[in-house]
mmCIF file of all heavy atoms, coordinates in Angstrom:
data_MODEL
# 
_entry.id   MODEL 
# 
loop_
_atom_site.group_PDB 
_atom_site.id 
_atom_site.type_symbol 
_atom_site.label_atom_id 
_atom_site.label_alt_id 
_atom_site.label_comp_id 
_atom_site.label_asym_id 
_atom_site.label_entity_id 
_atom_site.label_seq_id 
_atom_site.pdbx_PDB_ins_code 
_atom_site.Cartn_x 
_atom_site.Cartn_y 
_atom_site.Cartn_z 
_atom_site.occupancy 
_atom_site.B_iso_or_equiv 
_atom_site.pdbx_formal_charge 
_atom_site.auth_seq_id 
_atom_site.auth_comp_id 
_atom_site.auth_asym_id 
_atom_site.auth_atom_id 
_atom_site.pdbx_PDB_model_num 
ATOM 1   N N   . LEU A 1 1  ? 45.498 -23.512 -37.193 1.00 0.00 ? 1  LEU A N   1 
ATOM 2   C CA  . LEU A 1 1  ? 46.140 -24.234 -36.098 1.00 0.00 ? 1  LEU A CA  1 
ATOM 3   C C   . LEU A 1 1  ? 46.342 -23.244 -34.977 1.00 0.00 ? 1  LEU A C   1 
ATOM 4   O O   . LEU A 1 1  ? 47.198 -22.347 -34.993 1.00 0.00 ? 1  LEU A O   1 
ATOM 5   C CB  . LEU A 1 1  ? 47.588 -24.711 -36.594 1.00 0.00 ? 1  LEU A CB  1 
ATOM 6   C CG  . LEU A 1 1  ? 47.507 -25.685 -37.780 1.00 0.00 ? 1  LEU A CG  1 
ATOM 7   C CD1 . LEU A 1 1  ? 48.946 -26.038 -38.226 1.00 0.00 ? 1  LEU A CD1 1 
ATOM 8   C CD2 . LEU A 1 1  ? 46.774 -26.946 -37.396 1.00 0.00 ? 1  LEU A CD2 1 
ATOM 9   N N   . VAL A 1 2  ? 45.507 -23.335 -33.976 1.00 0.00 ? 2  VAL A N   1 
ATOM 10  C CA  . VAL A 1 2  ? 45.549 -22.523 -32.803 1.00 0.00 ? 2  VAL A CA  1 
ATOM 11  C C   . VAL A 1 2  ? 45.555 -23.430 -31.556 1.00 0.00 ? 2  VAL A C   1 
ATOM 12  O O   . VAL A 1 2  ? 45.307 -24.582 -31.639 1.00 0.00 ? 2  VAL A O   1 
ATOM 13  C CB  . VAL A 1 2  ? 44.313 -21.524 -32.755 1.00 0.00 ? 2  VAL A CB  1 
ATOM 14  C CG1 . VAL A 1 2  ? 44.446 -20.538 -33.861 1.00 0.00 ? 2  VAL A CG1 1 
ATOM 15  C CG2 . VAL A 1 2  ? 43.065 -22.286 -32.869 1.00 0.00 ? 2  VAL A CG2 1 
ATOM 16  N N   . GLN A 1 3  ? 45.898 -22.818 -30.432 1.00 0.00 ? 3  GLN A N   1 
ATOM 17  C CA  . GLN A 1 3  ? 46.016 -23.592 -29.225 1.00 0.00 ? 3  GLN A CA  1 
ATOM 18  C C   . GLN A 1 3  ? 44.648 -23.826 -28.527 1.00 0.00 ? 3  GLN A C   1 
ATOM 19  O O   . GLN A 1 3  ? 44.442 -24.791 -27.905 1.00 0.00 ? 3  GLN A O   1 
ATOM 20  C CB  . GLN A 1 3  ? 46.997 -22.922 -28.281 1.00 0.00 ? 3  GLN A CB  1 
ATOM 21  C CG  . GLN A 1 3  ? 48.429 -23.048 -28.656 1.00 0.00 ? 3  GLN A CG  1 
ATOM 22  C CD  . GLN A 1 3  ? 49.338 -22.367 -27.694 1.00 0.00 ? 3  GLN A CD  1 
ATOM 23  O OE1 . GLN A 1 3  ? 49.229 -21.190 -27.351 1.00 0.00 ? 3  GLN A OE1 1 
ATOM 24  N NE2 . GLN A 1 3  ? 50.261 -23.106 -27.163 1.00 0.00 ? 3  GLN A NE2 1 
ATOM 25  N N   . ASN A 1 4  ? 43.785 -22.839 -28.649 1.00 0.00 ? 4  ASN A N   1 
ATOM 26  C CA  . ASN A 1 4  ? 42.540 -22.904 -27.965 1.00 0.00 ? 4  ASN A CA  1 
ATOM 27  C C   . ASN A 1 4  ? 41.349 -22.986 -28.973 1.00 0.00 ? 4  ASN A C   1 
ATOM 28  O O   . ASN A 1 4  ? 41.227 -22.207 -29.895 1.00 0.00 ? 4  ASN A O   1 
ATOM 29  C CB  . ASN A 1 4  ? 42.311 -21.666 -27.098 1.00 0.00 ? 4  ASN A CB  1 
ATOM 30  C CG  . ASN A 1 4  ? 43.377 -21.528 -26.044 1.00 0.00 ? 4  ASN A CG  1 
ATOM 31  O OD1 . ASN A 1 4  ? 43.586 -22.440 -25.269 1.00 0.00 ? 4  ASN A OD1 1 
ATOM 32  N ND2 . ASN A 1 4  ? 44.100 -20.431 -26.003 1.00 0.00 ? 4  ASN A ND2 1 
ATOM 33  N N   . TYR A 1 5  ? 40.523 -23.973 -28.802 1.00 0.00 ? 5  TYR A N   1 
ATOM 34  C CA  . TYR A 1 5  ? 39.386 -24.241 -29.618 1.00 0.00 ? 5  TYR A CA  1 
ATOM 35  C C   . TYR A 1 5  ? 38.049 -23.879 -28.856 1.00 0.00 ? 5  TYR A C   1 
ATOM 36  O O   . TYR A 1 5  ? 37.826 -24.528 -27.804 1.00 0.00 ? 5  TYR A O   1 
ATOM 37  C CB  . TYR A 1 5  ? 39.328 -25.707 -30.135 1.00 0.00 ? 5  TYR A CB  1 
ATOM 38  C CG  . TYR A 1 5  ? 40.655 -26.128 -30.654 1.00 0.00 ? 5  TYR A CG  1 
ATOM 39  C CD1 . TYR A 1 5  ? 41.227 -27.351 -30.121 1.00 0.00 ? 5  TYR A CD1 1 
ATOM 40  C CD2 . TYR A 1 5  ? 41.344 -25.497 -31.636 1.00 0.00 ? 5  TYR A CD2 1 
ATOM 41  C CE1 . TYR A 1 5  ? 42.445 -27.823 -30.606 1.00 0.00 ? 5  TYR A CE1 1 
ATOM 42  C CE2 . TYR A 1 5  ? 42.521 -25.930 -32.163 1.00 0.00 ? 5  TYR A CE2 1 
ATOM 43  C CZ  . TYR A 1 5  ? 43.108 -27.077 -31.638 1.00 0.00 ? 5  TYR A CZ  1 
ATOM 44  O OH  . TYR A 1 5  ? 44.318 -27.540 -32.100 1.00 0.00 ? 5  TYR A OH  1 
ATOM 45  N N   . PHE A 1 6  ? 37.397 -22.911 -29.282 1.00 0.00 ? 6  PHE A N   1 
ATOM 46  C CA  . PHE A 1 6  ? 36.231 -22.472 -28.570 1.00 0.00 ? 6  PHE A CA  1 
ATOM 47  C C   . PHE A 1 6  ? 34.963 -23.221 -28.973 1.00 0.00 ? 6  PHE A C   1 
ATOM 48  O O   . PHE A 1 6  ? 33.958 -23.229 -28.285 1.00 0.00 ? 6  PHE A O   1 
ATOM 49  C CB  . PHE A 1 6  ? 36.040 -20.972 -28.753 1.00 0.00 ? 6  PHE A CB  1 
ATOM 50  C CG  . PHE A 1 6  ? 37.169 -20.173 -28.218 1.00 0.00 ? 6  PHE A CG  1 
ATOM 51  C CD1 . PHE A 1 6  ? 38.179 -19.714 -29.025 1.00 0.00 ? 6  PHE A CD1 1 
ATOM 52  C CD2 . PHE A 1 6  ? 37.340 -19.969 -26.873 1.00 0.00 ? 6  PHE A CD2 1 
ATOM 53  C CE1 . PHE A 1 6  ? 39.284 -18.984 -28.523 1.00 0.00 ? 6  PHE A CE1 1 
ATOM 54  C CE2 . PHE A 1 6  ? 38.388 -19.248 -26.328 1.00 0.00 ? 6  PHE A CE2 1 
ATOM 55  C CZ  . PHE A 1 6  ? 39.330 -18.766 -27.195 1.00 0.00 ? 6  PHE A CZ  1 
ATOM 56  N N   . PHE A 1 7  ? 35.057 -23.851 -30.111 1.00 0.00 ? 7  PHE A N   1 
ATOM 57  C CA  . PHE A 1 7  ? 33.942 -24.741 -30.581 1.00 0.00 ? 7  PHE A CA  1 
ATOM 58  C C   . PHE A 1 7  ? 34.571 -26.003 -31.146 1.00 0.00 ? 7  PHE A C   1 
ATOM 59  O O   . PHE A 1 7  ? 35.647 -25.991 -31.682 1.00 0.00 ? 7  PHE A O   1 
ATOM 60  C CB  . PHE A 1 7  ? 33.098 -24.053 -31.685 1.00 0.00 ? 7  PHE A CB  1 
ATOM 61  C CG  . PHE A 1 7  ? 32.541 -22.670 -31.248 1.00 0.00 ? 7  PHE A CG  1 
ATOM 62  C CD1 . PHE A 1 7  ? 33.172 -21.530 -31.562 1.00 0.00 ? 7  PHE A CD1 1 
ATOM 63  C CD2 . PHE A 1 7  ? 31.350 -22.634 -30.503 1.00 0.00 ? 7  PHE A CD2 1 
ATOM 64  C CE1 . PHE A 1 7  ? 32.686 -20.275 -31.147 1.00 0.00 ? 7  PHE A CE1 1 
ATOM 65  C CE2 . PHE A 1 7  ? 30.860 -21.417 -30.097 1.00 0.00 ? 7  PHE A CE2 1 
ATOM 66  C CZ  . PHE A 1 7  ? 31.470 -20.219 -30.397 1.00 0.00 ? 7  PHE A CZ  1 
ATOM 67  N N   . SER A 1 8  ? 33.773 -27.047 -31.051 1.00 0.00 ? 8  SER A N   1 
ATOM 68  C CA  . SER A 1 8  ? 34.324 -28.357 -31.579 1.00 0.00 ? 8  SER A CA  1 
ATOM 69  C C   . SER A 1 8  ? 34.648 -28.286 -33.098 1.00 0.00 ? 8  SER A C   1 
ATOM 70  O O   . SER A 1 8  ? 35.534 -28.921 -33.622 1.00 0.00 ? 8  SER A O   1 
ATOM 71  C CB  . SER A 1 8  ? 33.339 -29.488 -31.299 1.00 0.00 ? 8  SER A CB  1 
ATOM 72  O OG  . SER A 1 8  ? 32.108 -29.239 -31.980 1.00 0.00 ? 8  SER A OG  1 
ATOM 73  N N   . THR A 1 9  ? 33.928 -27.367 -33.772 1.00 0.00 ? 9  THR A N   1 
ATOM 74  C CA  . THR A 1 9  ? 34.104 -27.257 -35.236 1.00 0.00 ? 9  THR A CA  1 
ATOM 75  C C   . THR A 1 9  ? 35.367 -26.451 -35.537 1.00 0.00 ? 9  THR A C   1 
ATOM 76  O O   . THR A 1 9  ? 35.682 -26.344 -36.708 1.00 0.00 ? 9  THR A O   1 
ATOM 77  C CB  . THR A 1 9  ? 32.883 -26.617 -35.853 1.00 0.00 ? 9  THR A CB  1 
ATOM 78  O OG1 . THR A 1 9  ? 32.598 -25.354 -35.156 1.00 0.00 ? 9  THR A OG1 1 
ATOM 79  C CG2 . THR A 1 9  ? 31.673 -27.480 -35.789 1.00 0.00 ? 9  THR A CG2 1 
ATOM 80  N N   . ASP A 1 10 ? 36.031 -25.897 -34.495 1.00 0.00 ? 10 ASP A N   1 
ATOM 81  C CA  . ASP A 1 10 ? 37.282 -25.175 -34.768 1.00 0.00 ? 10 ASP A CA  1 
ATOM 82  C C   . ASP A 1 10 ? 38.472 -26.110 -34.920 1.00 0.00 ? 10 ASP A C   1 
ATOM 83  O O   . ASP A 1 10 ? 39.497 -25.689 -35.372 1.00 0.00 ? 10 ASP A O   1 
ATOM 84  C CB  . ASP A 1 10 ? 37.606 -24.239 -33.586 1.00 0.00 ? 10 ASP A CB  1 
ATOM 85  C CG  . ASP A 1 10 ? 36.631 -23.006 -33.518 1.00 0.00 ? 10 ASP A CG  1 
ATOM 86  O OD1 . ASP A 1 10 ? 35.969 -22.759 -34.534 1.00 0.00 ? 10 ASP A OD1 1 
ATOM 87  O OD2 . ASP A 1 10 ? 36.564 -22.409 -32.451 1.00 0.00 ? 10 ASP A OD2 1 
ATOM 88  N N   . ASN A 1 11 ? 38.380 -27.344 -34.436 1.00 0.00 ? 11 ASN A N   1 
ATOM 89  C CA  . ASN A 1 11 ? 39.424 -28.267 -34.412 1.00 0.00 ? 11 ASN A CA  1 
ATOM 90  C C   . ASN A 1 11 ? 39.997 -28.449 -35.844 1.00 0.00 ? 11 ASN A C   1 
ATOM 91  O O   . ASN A 1 11 ? 39.298 -28.637 -36.804 1.00 0.00 ? 11 ASN A O   1 
ATOM 92  C CB  . ASN A 1 11 ? 39.006 -29.626 -33.919 1.00 0.00 ? 11 ASN A CB  1 
ATOM 93  C CG  . ASN A 1 11 ? 38.824 -29.646 -32.385 1.00 0.00 ? 11 ASN A CG  1 
ATOM 94  O OD1 . ASN A 1 11 ? 39.714 -29.751 -31.654 1.00 0.00 ? 11 ASN A OD1 1 
ATOM 95  N ND2 . ASN A 1 11 ? 37.571 -29.458 -31.977 1.00 0.00 ? 11 ASN A ND2 1 
ATOM 96  N N   . PRO A 1 12 ? 41.335 -28.412 -35.918 1.00 0.00 ? 12 PRO A N   1 
ATOM 97  C CA  . PRO A 1 12 ? 41.938 -28.658 -37.272 1.00 0.00 ? 12 PRO A CA  1 
ATOM 98  C C   . PRO A 1 12 ? 41.821 -30.062 -37.645 1.00 0.00 ? 12 PRO A C   1 
ATOM 99  O O   . PRO A 1 12 ? 41.976 -31.020 -36.922 1.00 0.00 ? 12 PRO A O   1 
ATOM 100 C CB  . PRO A 1 12 ? 43.429 -28.257 -37.044 1.00 0.00 ? 12 PRO A CB  1 
ATOM 101 C CG  . PRO A 1 12 ? 43.661 -28.456 -35.554 1.00 0.00 ? 12 PRO A CG  1 
ATOM 102 C CD  . PRO A 1 12 ? 42.359 -28.154 -34.940 1.00 0.00 ? 12 PRO A CD  1 
ATOM 103 N N   . ASN A 1 13 ? 41.563 -30.313 -38.941 1.00 0.00 ? 13 ASN A N   1 
ATOM 104 C CA  . ASN A 1 13 ? 41.454 -31.621 -39.565 1.00 0.00 ? 13 ASN A CA  1 
ATOM 105 C C   . ASN A 1 13 ? 42.493 -31.694 -40.669 1.00 0.00 ? 13 ASN A C   1 
ATOM 106 O O   . ASN A 1 13 ? 42.907 -30.701 -41.311 1.00 0.00 ? 13 ASN A O   1 
ATOM 107 C CB  . ASN A 1 13 ? 40.096 -31.894 -40.133 1.00 0.00 ? 13 ASN A CB  1 
ATOM 108 C CG  . ASN A 1 13 ? 39.055 -32.207 -39.102 1.00 0.00 ? 13 ASN A CG  1 
ATOM 109 O OD1 . ASN A 1 13 ? 37.982 -32.675 -39.414 1.00 0.00 ? 13 ASN A OD1 1 
ATOM 110 N ND2 . ASN A 1 13 ? 39.307 -31.958 -37.782 1.00 0.00 ? 13 ASN A ND2 1 
ATOM 111 N N   . LEU A 1 14 ? 42.922 -32.915 -41.002 1.00 0.00 ? 14 LEU A N   1 
ATOM 112 C CA  . LEU A 1 14 ? 43.740 -33.196 -42.157 1.00 0.00 ? 14 LEU A CA  1 
ATOM 113 C C   . LEU A 1 14 ? 42.778 -33.579 -43.269 1.00 0.00 ? 14 LEU A C   1 
ATOM 114 O O   . LEU A 1 14 ? 41.956 -34.512 -43.125 1.00 0.00 ? 14 LEU A O   1 
ATOM 115 C CB  . LEU A 1 14 ? 44.722 -34.319 -41.898 1.00 0.00 ? 14 LEU A CB  1 
ATOM 116 C CG  . LEU A 1 14 ? 45.868 -33.979 -40.909 1.00 0.00 ? 14 LEU A CG  1 
ATOM 117 C CD1 . LEU A 1 14 ? 46.712 -35.246 -40.657 1.00 0.00 ? 14 LEU A CD1 1 
ATOM 118 C CD2 . LEU A 1 14 ? 46.773 -32.842 -41.459 1.00 0.00 ? 14 LEU A CD2 1 
ATOM 119 N N   . HIS A 1 15 ? 42.861 -32.803 -44.367 1.00 0.00 ? 15 HIS A N   1 
ATOM 120 C CA  . HIS A 1 15 ? 41.831 -33.012 -45.455 1.00 0.00 ? 15 HIS A CA  1 
ATOM 121 C C   . HIS A 1 15 ? 42.581 -33.293 -46.747 1.00 0.00 ? 15 HIS A C   1 
ATOM 122 O O   . HIS A 1 15 ? 43.563 -32.723 -47.048 1.00 0.00 ? 15 HIS A O   1 
ATOM 123 C CB  . HIS A 1 15 ? 40.991 -31.725 -45.613 1.00 0.00 ? 15 HIS A CB  1 
ATOM 124 C CG  . HIS A 1 15 ? 40.253 -31.618 -46.906 1.00 0.00 ? 15 HIS A CG  1 
ATOM 125 N ND1 . HIS A 1 15 ? 39.176 -32.444 -47.194 1.00 0.00 ? 15 HIS A ND1 1 
ATOM 126 C CD2 . HIS A 1 15 ? 40.471 -30.875 -47.929 1.00 0.00 ? 15 HIS A CD2 1 
ATOM 127 C CE1 . HIS A 1 15 ? 38.714 -32.171 -48.333 1.00 0.00 ? 15 HIS A CE1 1 
ATOM 128 N NE2 . HIS A 1 15 ? 39.463 -31.179 -48.901 1.00 0.00 ? 15 HIS A NE2 1 
ATOM 129 N N   . HIS A 1 16 ? 42.035 -34.326 -47.492 1.00 0.00 ? 16 HIS A N   1 
ATOM 130 C CA  . HIS A 1 16 ? 42.496 -34.558 -48.881 1.00 0.00 ? 16 HIS A CA  1 
ATOM 131 C C   . HIS A 1 16 ? 41.913 -33.559 -49.793 1.00 0.00 ? 16 HIS A C   1 
ATOM 132 O O   . HIS A 1 16 ? 40.674 -33.466 -49.954 1.00 0.00 ? 16 HIS A O   1 
ATOM 133 C CB  . HIS A 1 16 ? 42.102 -35.984 -49.263 1.00 0.00 ? 16 HIS A CB  1 
ATOM 134 C CG  . HIS A 1 16 ? 42.732 -37.114 -48.529 1.00 0.00 ? 16 HIS A CG  1 
ATOM 135 N ND1 . HIS A 1 16 ? 42.288 -37.600 -47.311 1.00 0.00 ? 16 HIS A ND1 1 
ATOM 136 C CD2 . HIS A 1 16 ? 43.862 -37.867 -48.819 1.00 0.00 ? 16 HIS A CD2 1 
ATOM 137 C CE1 . HIS A 1 16 ? 43.071 -38.584 -46.898 1.00 0.00 ? 16 HIS A CE1 1 
ATOM 138 N NE2 . HIS A 1 16 ? 44.046 -38.762 -47.787 1.00 0.00 ? 16 HIS A NE2 1 
ATOM 139 N N   . VAL A 1 17 ? 42.779 -32.852 -50.480 1.00 0.00 ? 17 VAL A N   1 
ATOM 140 C CA  . VAL A 1 17 ? 42.285 -31.841 -51.468 1.00 0.00 ? 17 VAL A CA  1 
ATOM 141 C C   . VAL A 1 17 ? 41.501 -32.619 -52.520 1.00 0.00 ? 17 VAL A C   1 
ATOM 142 O O   . VAL A 1 17 ? 40.430 -32.182 -52.954 1.00 0.00 ? 17 VAL A O   1 
ATOM 143 C CB  . VAL A 1 17 ? 43.446 -31.046 -52.160 1.00 0.00 ? 17 VAL A CB  1 
ATOM 144 C CG1 . VAL A 1 17 ? 42.980 -30.128 -53.209 1.00 0.00 ? 17 VAL A CG1 1 
ATOM 145 C CG2 . VAL A 1 17 ? 44.237 -30.335 -51.058 1.00 0.00 ? 17 VAL A CG2 1 
ATOM 146 N N   . PHE A 1 18 ? 42.011 -33.755 -53.052 1.00 0.00 ? 18 PHE A N   1 
ATOM 147 C CA  . PHE A 1 18 ? 41.243 -34.681 -53.878 1.00 0.00 ? 18 PHE A CA  1 
ATOM 148 C C   . PHE A 1 18 ? 40.796 -35.834 -52.912 1.00 0.00 ? 18 PHE A C   1 
ATOM 149 O O   . PHE A 1 18 ? 41.535 -36.725 -52.696 1.00 0.00 ? 18 PHE A O   1 
ATOM 150 C CB  . PHE A 1 18 ? 42.121 -35.223 -54.980 1.00 0.00 ? 18 PHE A CB  1 
ATOM 151 C CG  . PHE A 1 18 ? 42.464 -34.263 -56.056 1.00 0.00 ? 18 PHE A CG  1 
ATOM 152 C CD1 . PHE A 1 18 ? 43.374 -33.256 -55.911 1.00 0.00 ? 18 PHE A CD1 1 
ATOM 153 C CD2 . PHE A 1 18 ? 41.797 -34.329 -57.311 1.00 0.00 ? 18 PHE A CD2 1 
ATOM 154 C CE1 . PHE A 1 18 ? 43.703 -32.350 -56.897 1.00 0.00 ? 18 PHE A CE1 1 
ATOM 155 C CE2 . PHE A 1 18 ? 42.110 -33.453 -58.342 1.00 0.00 ? 18 PHE A CE2 1 
ATOM 156 C CZ  . PHE A 1 18 ? 43.012 -32.417 -58.170 1.00 0.00 ? 18 PHE A CZ  1 
ATOM 157 N N   . PRO A 1 19 ? 39.553 -35.684 -52.403 1.00 0.00 ? 19 PRO A N   1 
ATOM 158 C CA  . PRO A 1 19 ? 39.099 -36.699 -51.453 1.00 0.00 ? 19 PRO A CA  1 
ATOM 159 C C   . PRO A 1 19 ? 39.242 -38.169 -52.071 1.00 0.00 ? 19 PRO A C   1 
ATOM 160 O O   . PRO A 1 19 ? 38.896 -38.383 -53.237 1.00 0.00 ? 19 PRO A O   1 
ATOM 161 C CB  . PRO A 1 19 ? 37.650 -36.350 -51.206 1.00 0.00 ? 19 PRO A CB  1 
ATOM 162 C CG  . PRO A 1 19 ? 37.582 -34.883 -51.441 1.00 0.00 ? 19 PRO A CG  1 
ATOM 163 C CD  . PRO A 1 19 ? 38.588 -34.683 -52.586 1.00 0.00 ? 19 PRO A CD  1 
ATOM 164 N N   . THR A 1 20 ? 39.683 -39.086 -51.234 1.00 0.00 ? 20 THR A N   1 
ATOM 165 C CA  . THR A 1 20 ? 39.937 -40.464 -51.770 1.00 0.00 ? 20 THR A CA  1 
ATOM 166 C C   . THR A 1 20 ? 38.721 -41.150 -52.261 1.00 0.00 ? 20 THR A C   1 
ATOM 167 O O   . THR A 1 20 ? 38.812 -42.052 -53.129 1.00 0.00 ? 20 THR A O   1 
ATOM 168 C CB  . THR A 1 20 ? 40.639 -41.307 -50.681 1.00 0.00 ? 20 THR A CB  1 
ATOM 169 O OG1 . THR A 1 20 ? 39.760 -41.276 -49.494 1.00 0.00 ? 20 THR A OG1 1 
ATOM 170 C CG2 . THR A 1 20 ? 41.996 -40.778 -50.332 1.00 0.00 ? 20 THR A CG2 1 
ATOM 171 N N   . ASN A 1 21 ? 37.584 -40.749 -51.758 1.00 0.00 ? 21 ASN A N   1 
ATOM 172 C CA  . ASN A 1 21 ? 36.268 -41.392 -52.233 1.00 0.00 ? 21 ASN A CA  1 
ATOM 173 C C   . ASN A 1 21 ? 35.467 -40.389 -53.058 1.00 0.00 ? 21 ASN A C   1 
ATOM 174 O O   . ASN A 1 21 ? 34.240 -40.612 -53.277 1.00 0.00 ? 21 ASN A O   1 
ATOM 175 C CB  . ASN A 1 21 ? 35.408 -41.863 -51.044 1.00 0.00 ? 21 ASN A CB  1 
ATOM 176 C CG  . ASN A 1 21 ? 36.067 -43.031 -50.343 1.00 0.00 ? 21 ASN A CG  1 
ATOM 177 O OD1 . ASN A 1 21 ? 36.577 -43.930 -50.988 1.00 0.00 ? 21 ASN A OD1 1 
ATOM 178 N ND2 . ASN A 1 21 ? 36.025 -43.028 -48.997 1.00 0.00 ? 21 ASN A ND2 1 
ATOM 179 N N   . SER A 1 22 ? 36.120 -39.362 -53.636 1.00 0.00 ? 22 SER A N   1 
ATOM 180 C CA  . SER A 1 22 ? 35.403 -38.455 -54.483 1.00 0.00 ? 22 SER A CA  1 
ATOM 181 C C   . SER A 1 22 ? 35.165 -39.112 -55.879 1.00 0.00 ? 22 SER A C   1 
ATOM 182 O O   . SER A 1 22 ? 35.883 -40.058 -56.253 1.00 0.00 ? 22 SER A O   1 
ATOM 183 C CB  . SER A 1 22 ? 36.220 -37.180 -54.716 1.00 0.00 ? 22 SER A CB  1 
ATOM 184 O OG  . SER A 1 22 ? 37.425 -37.457 -55.363 1.00 0.00 ? 22 SER A OG  1 
ATOM 185 N N   . GLU A 1 23 ? 34.198 -38.619 -56.568 1.00 0.00 ? 23 GLU A N   1 
ATOM 186 C CA  . GLU A 1 23 ? 33.895 -39.134 -57.928 1.00 0.00 ? 23 GLU A CA  1 
ATOM 187 C C   . GLU A 1 23 ? 35.074 -39.073 -58.872 1.00 0.00 ? 23 GLU A C   1 
ATOM 188 O O   . GLU A 1 23 ? 35.340 -39.996 -59.616 1.00 0.00 ? 23 GLU A O   1 
ATOM 189 C CB  . GLU A 1 23 ? 32.736 -38.344 -58.527 1.00 0.00 ? 23 GLU A CB  1 
ATOM 190 C CG  . GLU A 1 23 ? 32.251 -38.832 -59.880 1.00 0.00 ? 23 GLU A CG  1 
ATOM 191 C CD  . GLU A 1 23 ? 31.168 -37.967 -60.470 1.00 0.00 ? 23 GLU A CD  1 
ATOM 192 O OE1 . GLU A 1 23 ? 30.682 -37.004 -59.791 1.00 0.00 ? 23 GLU A OE1 1 
ATOM 193 O OE2 . GLU A 1 23 ? 30.766 -38.243 -61.640 1.00 0.00 ? 23 GLU A OE2 1 
ATOM 194 N N   . TYR A 1 24 ? 35.833 -37.964 -58.762 1.00 0.00 ? 24 TYR A N   1 
ATOM 195 C CA  . TYR A 1 24 ? 37.022 -37.788 -59.649 1.00 0.00 ? 24 TYR A CA  1 
ATOM 196 C C   . TYR A 1 24 ? 37.993 -38.929 -59.355 1.00 0.00 ? 24 TYR A C   1 
ATOM 197 O O   . TYR A 1 24 ? 38.481 -39.562 -60.337 1.00 0.00 ? 24 TYR A O   1 
ATOM 198 C CB  . TYR A 1 24 ? 37.668 -36.427 -59.426 1.00 0.00 ? 24 TYR A CB  1 
ATOM 199 C CG  . TYR A 1 24 ? 39.003 -36.363 -60.069 1.00 0.00 ? 24 TYR A CG  1 
ATOM 200 C CD1 . TYR A 1 24 ? 39.175 -36.172 -61.420 1.00 0.00 ? 24 TYR A CD1 1 
ATOM 201 C CD2 . TYR A 1 24 ? 40.198 -36.686 -59.290 1.00 0.00 ? 24 TYR A CD2 1 
ATOM 202 C CE1 . TYR A 1 24 ? 40.440 -36.149 -62.009 1.00 0.00 ? 24 TYR A CE1 1 
ATOM 203 C CE2 . TYR A 1 24 ? 41.434 -36.699 -59.887 1.00 0.00 ? 24 TYR A CE2 1 
ATOM 204 C CZ  . TYR A 1 24 ? 41.584 -36.418 -61.226 1.00 0.00 ? 24 TYR A CZ  1 
ATOM 205 O OH  . TYR A 1 24 ? 42.823 -36.492 -61.784 1.00 0.00 ? 24 TYR A OH  1 
ATOM 206 N N   . VAL A 1 25 ? 38.378 -39.113 -58.142 1.00 0.00 ? 25 VAL A N   1 
ATOM 207 C CA  . VAL A 1 25 ? 39.443 -40.143 -57.844 1.00 0.00 ? 25 VAL A CA  1 
ATOM 208 C C   . VAL A 1 25 ? 38.945 -41.552 -58.230 1.00 0.00 ? 25 VAL A C   1 
ATOM 209 O O   . VAL A 1 25 ? 39.698 -42.356 -58.818 1.00 0.00 ? 25 VAL A O   1 
ATOM 210 C CB  . VAL A 1 25 ? 39.814 -40.071 -56.353 1.00 0.00 ? 25 VAL A CB  1 
ATOM 211 C CG1 . VAL A 1 25 ? 40.749 -41.252 -56.003 1.00 0.00 ? 25 VAL A CG1 1 
ATOM 212 C CG2 . VAL A 1 25 ? 40.530 -38.746 -56.035 1.00 0.00 ? 25 VAL A CG2 1 
ATOM 213 N N   . LEU A 1 26 ? 37.725 -41.843 -57.854 1.00 0.00 ? 26 LEU A N   1 
ATOM 214 C CA  . LEU A 1 26 ? 37.178 -43.190 -58.143 1.00 0.00 ? 26 LEU A CA  1 
ATOM 215 C C   . LEU A 1 26 ? 37.129 -43.450 -59.662 1.00 0.00 ? 26 LEU A C   1 
ATOM 216 O O   . LEU A 1 26 ? 37.327 -44.584 -60.089 1.00 0.00 ? 26 LEU A O   1 
ATOM 217 C CB  . LEU A 1 26 ? 35.796 -43.367 -57.536 1.00 0.00 ? 26 LEU A CB  1 
ATOM 218 C CG  . LEU A 1 26 ? 35.802 -43.353 -56.000 1.00 0.00 ? 26 LEU A CG  1 
ATOM 219 C CD1 . LEU A 1 26 ? 34.327 -43.376 -55.493 1.00 0.00 ? 26 LEU A CD1 1 
ATOM 220 C CD2 . LEU A 1 26 ? 36.592 -44.529 -55.388 1.00 0.00 ? 26 LEU A CD2 1 
ATOM 221 N N   . ASN A 1 27 ? 36.845 -42.426 -60.450 1.00 0.00 ? 27 ASN A N   1 
ATOM 222 C CA  . ASN A 1 27 ? 36.687 -42.616 -61.872 1.00 0.00 ? 27 ASN A CA  1 
ATOM 223 C C   . ASN A 1 27 ? 38.008 -42.462 -62.683 1.00 0.00 ? 27 ASN A C   1 
ATOM 224 O O   . ASN A 1 27 ? 38.061 -42.782 -63.850 1.00 0.00 ? 27 ASN A O   1 
ATOM 225 C CB  . ASN A 1 27 ? 35.678 -41.593 -62.452 1.00 0.00 ? 27 ASN A CB  1 
ATOM 226 C CG  . ASN A 1 27 ? 34.261 -41.885 -62.012 1.00 0.00 ? 27 ASN A CG  1 
ATOM 227 O OD1 . ASN A 1 27 ? 33.972 -43.011 -61.643 1.00 0.00 ? 27 ASN A OD1 1 
ATOM 228 N ND2 . ASN A 1 27 ? 33.403 -40.861 -62.079 1.00 0.00 ? 27 ASN A ND2 1 
# 
């Protein structure tokens, strides 16, 4: 979490540690 993003890929995202559509969660 920084104020200045020098590349679009620097942007912070909210990520599910256990992705909702991962094989583990679905099964």
